[in-house]
């Protein structure tokens, strides 16, 4: 599913209002999921770190109407 599907709601046009990126290390047998810094994500040797990006949208015809969407990936 494409992340822009969140905007398909028959409420008109939406504009991006900002993003926030967070990075997490995947859980293992001995360690729980842990929030880490961007430097761990940039290190290609560390394959168990993932990025979650929260995107904020505002409706163009009704600025009080807002919504959030999440996109995760490696």
Protein backbone atom coordinates (compact mmCIF):
# COMPACT_ATOMS: atom_id res chain seq x y z
CA UNK A 1 0.00 0.00 0.00
CA UNK A 2 1.36 3.41 -0.95
CA UNK A 3 1.70 5.98 1.84
CA UNK A 4 -0.27 8.57 -0.16
CA UNK A 5 -3.39 6.38 0.11
CA UNK A 6 -4.03 8.08 3.45
CA UNK A 7 -4.97 11.19 1.43
CA UNK A 8 -7.65 9.39 -0.63
CA UNK A 9 -10.67 10.29 1.49
CA UNK A 10 -12.85 12.55 -0.73
CA UNK A 11 -12.10 15.56 1.51
CA UNK A 12 -10.25 17.58 -1.12
CA UNK A 13 -6.58 18.45 -1.49
CA UNK A 14 -4.01 17.97 1.28
CA UNK A 15 -0.62 19.63 1.73
CA UNK A 16 2.36 18.28 3.66
CA UNK A 17 2.79 20.15 6.90
CA UNK A 18 6.02 18.51 8.13
CA UNK A 19 7.73 15.24 9.02
CA UNK A 20 9.37 13.69 12.03
CA UNK A 21 11.85 10.79 11.75
CA UNK A 22 12.51 8.27 14.51
CA UNK A 23 14.90 5.30 14.47
CA UNK A 24 14.44 1.96 16.24
CA UNK A 25 16.55 -1.13 16.73
CA UNK A 26 14.57 -4.33 16.20
CA UNK A 27 13.99 -6.66 19.14
CA UNK A 28 16.18 -9.72 19.58
CA UNK A 29 15.95 -12.72 21.90
CA UNK A 30 17.72 -10.83 24.68
CA UNK A 31 16.94 -7.15 23.97
CA UNK A 32 13.61 -5.32 23.52
CA UNK A 33 12.87 -2.76 20.78
CA UNK A 34 14.95 0.34 21.50
CA UNK A 35 14.90 3.90 20.15
CA UNK A 36 18.32 4.81 18.69
CA UNK A 37 19.95 7.77 16.97
CA UNK A 38 20.30 8.47 13.25
CA UNK A 39 23.97 7.43 13.30
CA UNK A 40 22.94 3.82 13.97
CA UNK A 41 20.59 3.94 10.98
CA UNK A 42 23.31 5.35 8.72
CA UNK A 43 25.70 2.51 9.67
CA UNK A 44 24.98 -0.08 6.96
CA UNK A 45 26.51 -2.86 9.08
CA UNK A 46 23.65 -2.51 11.55
CA UNK A 47 20.83 -4.20 9.59
CA UNK A 48 18.42 -4.35 12.52
CA UNK A 49 17.78 -0.57 12.69
CA UNK A 50 14.63 0.83 11.04
CA UNK A 51 13.28 4.30 10.35
CA UNK A 52 9.72 5.36 11.16
CA UNK A 53 8.62 8.63 9.61
CA UNK A 54 5.50 10.46 10.75
CA UNK A 55 4.07 12.81 8.13
CA UNK A 56 1.66 15.62 8.96
CA UNK A 57 -0.97 16.87 6.50
CA UNK A 58 -3.34 19.86 6.49
CA UNK A 59 -6.46 20.16 4.34
CA UNK A 60 -6.13 23.02 1.83
CA UNK A 61 -9.80 24.05 1.91
CA UNK A 62 -10.24 23.62 5.69
CA UNK A 63 -6.93 24.35 7.51
CA UNK A 64 -8.31 23.14 10.85
CA UNK A 65 -8.60 19.62 9.42
CA UNK A 66 -5.34 17.67 9.93
CA UNK A 67 -4.18 14.07 9.71
CA UNK A 68 -1.04 12.02 10.32
CA UNK A 69 0.47 9.14 8.40
CA UNK A 70 3.31 6.71 9.15
CA UNK A 71 5.89 5.26 6.82
CA UNK A 72 8.41 2.69 7.98
CA UNK A 73 11.35 1.15 6.22
CA UNK A 74 14.99 0.26 6.21
